[in-house]
Amino acid sequence: MTPTANQFILHAKSYLGVTQGSQRHIDLIAQYNSVSPLPREYAVKTTDDWCDIFVTVIGDKTGLSPRIGRECGVKSHVDIFKSLGIWLGRATPQRGDIVTYDWDRDGWPDHIGIVTGVYNNTIQTIEGNTSGRRVAEQHYHAQAPFIYGYARPSYDAEASPILSVVVKETAERWATGETIDDWVKGRQFAVMGHRQRGEHTEYLLLNQNIPIGWMSEENIIKKA
């Protein structure tokens, strides 16, 4: 049984903030090296670039590896995506897609991440070995020239999510710290997605199908 896109993304987000050289990074490398046979018979070192190791290990831990393959090199992983029939190239992305980058635009992909949200023409991603060699979220134009292309794994259907929430009248701030406008309080909103921040869950609220912000669970009432 394969995971849903949401399970894949949530597991990836559990690594947010992990930095190169930390114990969780060392464990990530060990997890990659523990699965035989190793791609190209190469045992990854803790000093190596690890963006693709991050994607591969999340695949291992969620049962998605048979659908996306295992690699430590982005170009080789793109070749696997093509062989599996999940490579889209420069297409319109969806949440749960795997995105690859060609920073210097020389035709050779050199970075990889997971699409966690698509908002109009912007993608939100989670990536390993980024922003100071850590796991972090990023935002880009969905068709930026440095995006090499997307792959779309075959996921299981999502279970019924929380469809909407009501913002409590007592809510004062968004999860990002900004003050909540009065018109938001007490209103019901559709939920586009959610993410884990420490021990708390945050929900991305929609107003007329436009994302308006992340709200912490203590400031909402969940609806079916």
C-alpha atoms as a PDB file:
ATOM      1  CA  MET A   1       0.000   0.000   0.000  1.00  0.00           C
ATOM      2  CA  THR A   2       1.447   3.353  -1.042  1.00  0.00           C
ATOM      3  CA  PRO A   3       1.057   6.547   1.010  1.00  0.00           C
ATOM      4  CA  THR A   4      -1.091   9.528   0.207  1.00  0.00           C
ATOM      5  CA  ALA A   5       0.540  12.768  -0.911  1.00  0.00           C
ATOM      6  CA  ASN A   6      -0.358  14.231   2.471  1.00  0.00           C
ATOM      7  CA  GLN A   7       1.452  11.447   4.353  1.00  0.00           C
ATOM      8  CA  PHE A   8       4.545  11.902   2.190  1.00  0.00           C
ATOM      9  CA  ILE A   9       4.536  15.659   2.782  1.00  0.00           C
ATOM     10  CA  LEU A  10       3.840  15.489   6.515  1.00  0.00           C
ATOM     11  CA  HIS A  11       6.679  13.022   7.043  1.00  0.00           C
ATOM     12  CA  ALA A  12       9.011  15.291   5.111  1.00  0.00           C
ATOM     13  CA  LYS A  13       7.916  18.255   7.241  1.00  0.00           C
ATOM     14  CA  SER A  14       8.815  16.355  10.408  1.00  0.00           C
ATOM     15  CA  TYR A  15      12.447  17.008   9.380  1.00  0.00           C
ATOM     16  CA  LEU A  16      12.114  20.799   9.130  1.00  0.00           C
ATOM     17  CA  GLY A  17      15.150  22.506  10.631  1.00  0.00           C
ATOM     18  CA  VAL A  18      17.430  19.443  10.535  1.00  0.00           C
ATOM     19  CA  THR A  19      20.946  20.678   9.729  1.00  0.00           C
ATOM     20  CA  GLN A  20      23.925  18.940   8.163  1.00  0.00           C
ATOM     21  CA  GLY A  21      26.077  17.312  10.821  1.00  0.00           C
ATOM     22  CA  SER A  22      23.271  17.017  13.377  1.00  0.00           C
ATOM     23  CA  GLN A  23      22.320  13.602  14.728  1.00  0.00           C
ATOM     24  CA  ARG A  24      19.139  13.487  12.648  1.00  0.00           C
ATOM     25  CA  HIS A  25      21.156  14.253   9.522  1.00  0.00           C
ATOM     26  CA  ILE A  26      23.629  11.504  10.392  1.00  0.00           C
ATOM     27  CA  ASP A  27      20.687   9.141  10.945  1.00  0.00           C
ATOM     28  CA  LEU A  28      19.252  10.192   7.559  1.00  0.00           C
ATOM     29  CA  ILE A  29      22.492   9.237   5.803  1.00  0.00           C
ATOM     30  CA  ALA A  30      22.641   5.941   7.715  1.00  0.00           C
ATOM     31  CA  GLN A  31      19.060   5.158   6.686  1.00  0.00           C
ATOM     32  CA  TYR A  32      19.915   5.749   3.030  1.00  0.00           C
ATOM     33  CA  ASN A  33      22.996   3.520   3.244  1.00  0.00           C
ATOM     34  CA  SER A  34      21.102   0.748   5.069  1.00  0.00           C
ATOM     35  CA  VAL A  35      19.019  -0.255   2.024  1.00  0.00           C
ATOM     36  CA  SER A  36      20.689  -2.663  -0.392  1.00  0.00           C
ATOM     37  CA  PRO A  37      21.634  -2.574  -3.150  1.00  0.00           C
ATOM     38  CA  LEU A  38      22.930   0.982  -2.956  1.00  0.00           C
ATOM     39  CA  PRO A  39      22.330   3.036  -6.099  1.00  0.00           C
ATOM     40  CA  ARG A  40      25.500   2.848  -8.203  1.00  0.00           C
ATOM     41  CA  GLU A  41      27.096   0.962  -5.261  1.00  0.00           C
ATOM     42  CA  TYR A  42      27.924   4.275  -3.609  1.00  0.00           C
ATOM     43  CA  ALA A  43      27.777   4.674   0.171  1.00  0.00           C
ATOM     44  CA  VAL A  44      26.910   8.288   0.903  1.00  0.00           C
ATOM     45  CA  LYS A  45      29.104  10.273   3.295  1.00  0.00           C
ATOM     46  CA  THR A  46      27.849  12.831   5.811  1.00  0.00           C
ATOM     47  CA  THR A  47      29.836  15.492   3.949  1.00  0.00           C
ATOM     48  CA  ASP A  48      28.077  14.818   0.609  1.00  0.00           C
ATOM     49  CA  ASP A  49      25.257  16.889  -0.836  1.00  0.00           C
ATOM     50  CA  TRP A  50      22.049  15.325   0.462  1.00  0.00           C
ATOM     51  CA  CYS A  51      18.984  16.868  -1.163  1.00  0.00           C
ATOM     52  CA  ASP A  52      18.172  13.636  -3.019  1.00  0.00           C
ATOM     53  CA  ILE A  53      19.018  11.498  -0.010  1.00  0.00           C
ATOM     54  CA  PHE A  54      16.341  13.427   1.864  1.00  0.00           C
ATOM     55  CA  VAL A  55      13.681  12.721  -0.799  1.00  0.00           C
ATOM     56  CA  THR A  56      14.761   9.078  -1.057  1.00  0.00           C
ATOM     57  CA  VAL A  57      14.632   8.445   2.701  1.00  0.00           C
ATOM     58  CA  ILE A  58      11.190  10.047   3.001  1.00  0.00           C
ATOM     59  CA  GLY A  59      10.165   7.631   0.250  1.00  0.00           C
ATOM     60  CA  ASP A  60      11.683   4.739   2.219  1.00  0.00           C
ATOM     61  CA  LYS A  61       9.929   5.689   5.440  1.00  0.00           C
ATOM     62  CA  THR A  62       6.503   6.151   3.846  1.00  0.00           C
ATOM     63  CA  GLY A  63       6.572   3.154   1.507  1.00  0.00           C
ATOM     64  CA  LEU A  64       6.778   5.268  -1.653  1.00  0.00           C
ATOM     65  CA  SER A  65      10.205   4.053  -2.821  1.00  0.00           C
ATOM     66  CA  PRO A  66       8.825   1.489  -5.311  1.00  0.00           C
ATOM     67  CA  ARG A  67       6.966   4.367  -7.012  1.00  0.00           C
ATOM     68  CA  ILE A  68       9.834   6.903  -7.099  1.00  0.00           C
ATOM     69  CA  GLY A  69      13.050   4.899  -6.895  1.00  0.00           C
ATOM     70  CA  ARG A  70      16.128   5.530  -4.761  1.00  0.00           C
ATOM     71  CA  GLU A  71      19.065   7.770  -5.659  1.00  0.00           C
ATOM     72  CA  CYS A  72      21.602  10.234  -4.323  1.00  0.00           C
ATOM     73  CA  GLY A  73      22.160  11.978  -7.660  1.00  0.00           C
ATOM     74  CA  VAL A  74      19.416  14.154  -9.139  1.00  0.00           C
ATOM     75  CA  LYS A  75      20.201  13.445 -12.812  1.00  0.00           C
ATOM     76  CA  SER A  76      20.107   9.684 -12.168  1.00  0.00           C
ATOM     77  CA  HIS A  77      16.859  10.108 -10.252  1.00  0.00           C
ATOM     78  CA  VAL A  78      15.268  11.944 -13.175  1.00  0.00           C
ATOM     79  CA  ASP A  79      16.246   8.965 -15.346  1.00  0.00           C
ATOM     80  CA  ILE A  80      14.450   6.711 -12.852  1.00  0.00           C
ATOM     81  CA  PHE A  81      11.363   8.931 -12.922  1.00  0.00           C
ATOM     82  CA  LYS A  82      11.321   8.608 -16.705  1.00  0.00           C
ATOM     83  CA  SER A  83      11.688   4.820 -16.552  1.00  0.00           C
ATOM     84  CA  LEU A  84       8.801   4.634 -14.056  1.00  0.00           C
ATOM     85  CA  GLY A  85       6.579   6.764 -16.287  1.00  0.00           C
ATOM     86  CA  ILE A  86       6.068   9.507 -13.683  1.00  0.00           C
ATOM     87  CA  TRP A  87       8.226  12.228 -15.273  1.00  0.00           C
ATOM     88  CA  LEU A  88       6.220  15.283 -16.382  1.00  0.00           C
ATOM     89  CA  GLY A  89       8.958  17.717 -17.343  1.00  0.00           C
ATOM     90  CA  ARG A  90       8.039  21.409 -17.135  1.00  0.00           C
ATOM     91  CA  ALA A  91       4.336  20.883 -16.491  1.00  0.00           C
ATOM     92  CA  THR A  92       1.744  22.456 -14.195  1.00  0.00           C
ATOM     93  CA  PRO A  93       2.635  21.161 -10.716  1.00  0.00           C
ATOM     94  CA  GLN A  94       0.428  19.678  -8.031  1.00  0.00           C
ATOM     95  CA  ARG A  95       0.856  19.181  -4.305  1.00  0.00           C
ATOM     96  CA  GLY A  96       2.932  16.044  -3.746  1.00  0.00           C
ATOM     97  CA  ASP A  97       4.951  16.366  -6.960  1.00  0.00           C
ATOM     98  CA  ILE A  98       8.726  16.032  -6.825  1.00  0.00           C
ATOM     99  CA  VAL A  99      10.463  19.096  -8.280  1.00  0.00           C
ATOM    100  CA  THR A 100      13.975  19.215  -9.744  1.00  0.00           C
ATOM    101  CA  TYR A 101      16.136  22.277 -10.381  1.00  0.00           C
ATOM    102  CA  ASP A 102      18.903  23.271 -12.754  1.00  0.00           C
ATOM    103  CA  TRP A 103      20.365  26.287 -10.979  1.00  0.00           C
ATOM    104  CA  ASP A 104      22.934  27.219 -13.620  1.00  0.00           C
ATOM    105  CA  ARG A 105      20.633  26.189 -16.508  1.00  0.00           C
ATOM    106  CA  ASP A 106      23.219  23.999 -18.198  1.00  0.00           C
ATOM    107  CA  GLY A 107      20.769  21.142 -18.865  1.00  0.00           C
ATOM    108  CA  TRP A 108      21.917  19.097 -15.855  1.00  0.00           C
ATOM    109  CA  PRO A 109      19.535  18.925 -12.837  1.00  0.00           C
ATOM    110  CA  ASP A 110      21.394  19.543  -9.583  1.00  0.00           C
ATOM    111  CA  HIS A 111      18.786  19.914  -6.812  1.00  0.00           C
ATOM    112  CA  ILE A 112      15.491  18.283  -5.802  1.00  0.00           C
ATOM    113  CA  GLY A 113      12.579  18.852  -3.425  1.00  0.00           C
ATOM    114  CA  ILE A 114       8.936  18.058  -2.697  1.00  0.00           C
ATOM    115  CA  VAL A 115       6.035  20.352  -3.632  1.00  0.00           C
ATOM    116  CA  THR A 116       3.941  20.939  -0.503  1.00  0.00           C
ATOM    117  CA  GLY A 117       1.541  23.513  -1.926  1.00  0.00           C
ATOM    118  CA  VAL A 118       0.593  25.334  -5.120  1.00  0.00           C
ATOM    119  CA  TYR A 119      -0.853  28.839  -4.786  1.00  0.00           C
ATOM    120  CA  ASN A 120      -1.738  30.494  -8.084  1.00  0.00           C
ATOM    121  CA  ASN A 121       1.642  30.501  -9.901  1.00  0.00           C
ATOM    122  CA  THR A 122       3.744  29.874  -6.783  1.00  0.00           C
ATOM    123  CA  ILE A 123       4.919  26.553  -5.370  1.00  0.00           C
ATOM    124  CA  GLN A 124       5.859  25.936  -1.766  1.00  0.00           C
ATOM    125  CA  THR A 125       8.459  23.203  -1.314  1.00  0.00           C
ATOM    126  CA  ILE A 126      10.369  21.339   1.338  1.00  0.00           C
ATOM    127  CA  GLU A 127      13.987  20.524   0.526  1.00  0.00           C
ATOM    128  CA  GLY A 128      17.032  19.016   2.173  1.00  0.00           C
ATOM    129  CA  ASN A 129      20.480  20.603   1.897  1.00  0.00           C
ATOM    130  CA  THR A 130      19.100  24.112   1.330  1.00  0.00           C
ATOM    131  CA  SER A 131      19.328  27.509   3.068  1.00  0.00           C
ATOM    132  CA  GLY A 132      22.431  26.788   5.100  1.00  0.00           C
ATOM    133  CA  ARG A 133      22.528  23.023   4.516  1.00  0.00           C
ATOM    134  CA  ARG A 134      19.326  22.253   6.356  1.00  0.00           C
ATOM    135  CA  VAL A 135      15.779  21.075   5.692  1.00  0.00           C
ATOM    136  CA  ALA A 136      13.675  24.136   4.930  1.00  0.00           C
ATOM    137  CA  GLU A 137      10.615  25.387   3.078  1.00  0.00           C
ATOM    138  CA  GLN A 138      11.060  27.481  -0.048  1.00  0.00           C
ATOM    139  CA  HIS A 139       8.822  29.381  -2.477  1.00  0.00           C
ATOM    140  CA  TYR A 140       9.298  29.792  -6.229  1.00  0.00           C
ATOM    141  CA  HIS A 141       7.370  30.666  -9.348  1.00  0.00           C
ATOM    142  CA  ALA A 142       5.995  27.357 -10.634  1.00  0.00           C
ATOM    143  CA  GLN A 143       7.622  27.861 -14.050  1.00  0.00           C
ATOM    144  CA  ALA A 144      10.817  29.632 -12.986  1.00  0.00           C
ATOM    145  CA  PRO A 145      13.552  29.143 -15.580  1.00  0.00           C
ATOM    146  CA  PHE A 146      15.743  27.198 -13.135  1.00  0.00           C
ATOM    147  CA  ILE A 147      13.065  24.532 -12.591  1.00  0.00           C
ATOM    148  CA  TYR A 148      14.169  21.509 -14.598  1.00  0.00           C
ATOM    149  CA  GLY A 149      10.887  19.621 -14.285  1.00  0.00           C
ATOM    150  CA  TYR A 150       8.400  17.739 -12.128  1.00  0.00           C
ATOM    151  CA  ALA A 151       7.653  14.092 -11.395  1.00  0.00           C
ATOM    152  CA  ARG A 152       4.256  12.936 -10.127  1.00  0.00           C
ATOM    153  CA  PRO A 153       4.246   9.769  -8.006  1.00  0.00           C
ATOM    154  CA  SER A 154       1.205   7.504  -8.012  1.00  0.00           C
ATOM    155  CA  TYR A 155      -0.288   8.019  -4.562  1.00  0.00           C
ATOM    156  CA  ASP A 156      -3.160   6.338  -2.770  1.00  0.00           C
ATOM    157  CA  ALA A 157      -6.344   8.392  -2.583  1.00  0.00           C
ATOM    158  CA  GLU A 158      -6.437  10.827   0.309  1.00  0.00           C
ATOM    159  CA  ALA A 159      -8.620  10.058   3.284  1.00  0.00           C
ATOM    160  CA  SER A 160     -11.374  12.584   3.970  1.00  0.00           C
ATOM    161  CA  PRO A 161      -9.624  15.698   5.341  1.00  0.00           C
ATOM    162  CA  ILE A 162     -10.929  18.399   7.643  1.00  0.00           C
ATOM    163  CA  LEU A 163     -12.949  20.419   5.131  1.00  0.00           C
ATOM    164  CA  SER A 164     -13.330  23.654   7.054  1.00  0.00           C
ATOM    165  CA  VAL A 165     -12.673  25.440  10.328  1.00  0.00           C
ATOM    166  CA  VAL A 166     -14.164  28.342  12.247  1.00  0.00           C
ATOM    167  CA  VAL A 167     -11.732  30.925  13.579  1.00  0.00           C
ATOM    168  CA  LYS A 168     -12.350  31.590  17.251  1.00  0.00           C
ATOM    169  CA  GLU A 169     -13.535  35.053  18.258  1.00  0.00           C
ATOM    170  CA  THR A 170     -10.635  35.175  20.733  1.00  0.00           C
ATOM    171  CA  ALA A 171      -7.968  34.587  18.056  1.00  0.00           C
ATOM    172  CA  GLU A 172      -5.449  37.443  17.864  1.00  0.00           C
ATOM    173  CA  ARG A 173      -2.606  36.382  15.562  1.00  0.00           C
ATOM    174  CA  TRP A 174      -1.887  34.179  12.563  1.00  0.00           C
ATOM    175  CA  ALA A 175       0.605  31.373  13.077  1.00  0.00           C
ATOM    176  CA  THR A 176       3.190  33.587  11.351  1.00  0.00           C
ATOM    177  CA  GLY A 177       2.738  36.343  13.958  1.00  0.00           C
ATOM    178  CA  GLU A 178       0.682  38.916  12.037  1.00  0.00           C
ATOM    179  CA  THR A 179      -2.406  40.406  13.694  1.00  0.00           C
ATOM    180  CA  ILE A 180      -5.693  38.850  12.566  1.00  0.00           C
ATOM    181  CA  ASP A 181      -8.137  41.275  10.957  1.00  0.00           C
ATOM    182  CA  ASP A 182     -11.502  41.483  12.715  1.00  0.00           C
ATOM    183  CA  TRP A 183     -13.400  40.208   9.640  1.00  0.00           C
ATOM    184  CA  VAL A 184     -11.617  36.835   9.983  1.00  0.00           C
ATOM    185  CA  LYS A 185     -12.755  36.194  13.563  1.00  0.00           C
ATOM    186  CA  GLY A 186     -15.790  33.974  13.994  1.00  0.00           C
ATOM    187  CA  ARG A 187     -15.926  33.090  10.284  1.00  0.00           C
ATOM    188  CA  GLN A 188     -15.780  29.668   8.692  1.00  0.00           C
ATOM    189  CA  PHE A 189     -13.092  28.946   6.089  1.00  0.00           C
ATOM    190  CA  ALA A 190     -12.167  26.065   3.829  1.00  0.00           C
ATOM    191  CA  VAL A 191      -8.829  24.373   4.556  1.00  0.00           C
ATOM    192  CA  MET A 192      -6.289  23.927   1.769  1.00  0.00           C
ATOM    193  CA  GLY A 193      -3.707  22.007   3.786  1.00  0.00           C
ATOM    194  CA  HIS A 194      -2.017  21.658   7.125  1.00  0.00           C
ATOM    195  CA  ARG A 195       1.502  21.380   8.518  1.00  0.00           C
ATOM    196  CA  GLN A 196       3.131  20.386  11.786  1.00  0.00           C
ATOM    197  CA  ARG A 197       5.079  22.958  13.797  1.00  0.00           C
ATOM    198  CA  GLY A 198       6.580  21.333  16.865  1.00  0.00           C
ATOM    199  CA  GLU A 199       3.682  19.934  18.877  1.00  0.00           C
ATOM    200  CA  HIS A 200       1.070  22.063  17.087  1.00  0.00           C
ATOM    201  CA  THR A 201      -0.773  21.748  13.796  1.00  0.00           C
ATOM    202  CA  GLU A 202      -1.358  24.783  11.591  1.00  0.00           C
ATOM    203  CA  TYR A 203      -4.045  25.039   8.889  1.00  0.00           C
ATOM    204  CA  LEU A 204      -3.872  27.005   5.655  1.00  0.00           C
ATOM    205  CA  LEU A 205      -7.202  28.843   5.292  1.00  0.00           C
ATOM    206  CA  LEU A 206      -8.892  29.761   2.021  1.00  0.00           C
ATOM    207  CA  ASN A 207     -11.211  32.669   1.299  1.00  0.00           C
ATOM    208  CA  GLN A 208     -12.904  32.425  -2.118  1.00  0.00           C
ATOM    209  CA  ASN A 209     -10.272  29.826  -3.077  1.00  0.00           C
ATOM    210  CA  ILE A 210      -7.396  32.195  -2.236  1.00  0.00           C
ATOM    211  CA  PRO A 211      -4.986  31.277   0.615  1.00  0.00           C
ATOM    212  CA  ILE A 212      -5.153  33.920   3.340  1.00  0.00           C
ATOM    213  CA  GLY A 213      -2.845  32.510   6.004  1.00  0.00           C
ATOM    214  CA  TRP A 214      -1.814  29.784   8.427  1.00  0.00           C
ATOM    215  CA  MET A 215      -3.858  29.446  11.630  1.00  0.00           C
ATOM    216  CA  SER A 216      -2.738  27.491  14.696  1.00  0.00           C
ATOM    217  CA  GLU A 217      -5.048  24.756  15.930  1.00  0.00           C
ATOM    218  CA  GLU A 218      -5.677  26.468  19.269  1.00  0.00           C
ATOM    219  CA  ASN A 219      -7.368  29.347  17.403  1.00  0.00           C
ATOM    220  CA  ILE A 220      -9.860  27.253  15.423  1.00  0.00           C
ATOM    221  CA  ILE A 221     -12.875  24.996  15.780  1.00  0.00           C
ATOM    222  CA  LYS A 222     -12.684  22.056  13.379  1.00  0.00           C
ATOM    223  CA  LYS A 223     -15.645  21.182  11.160  1.00  0.00           C
ATOM    224  CA  ALA A 224     -16.373  17.971   9.224  1.00  0.00           C
END
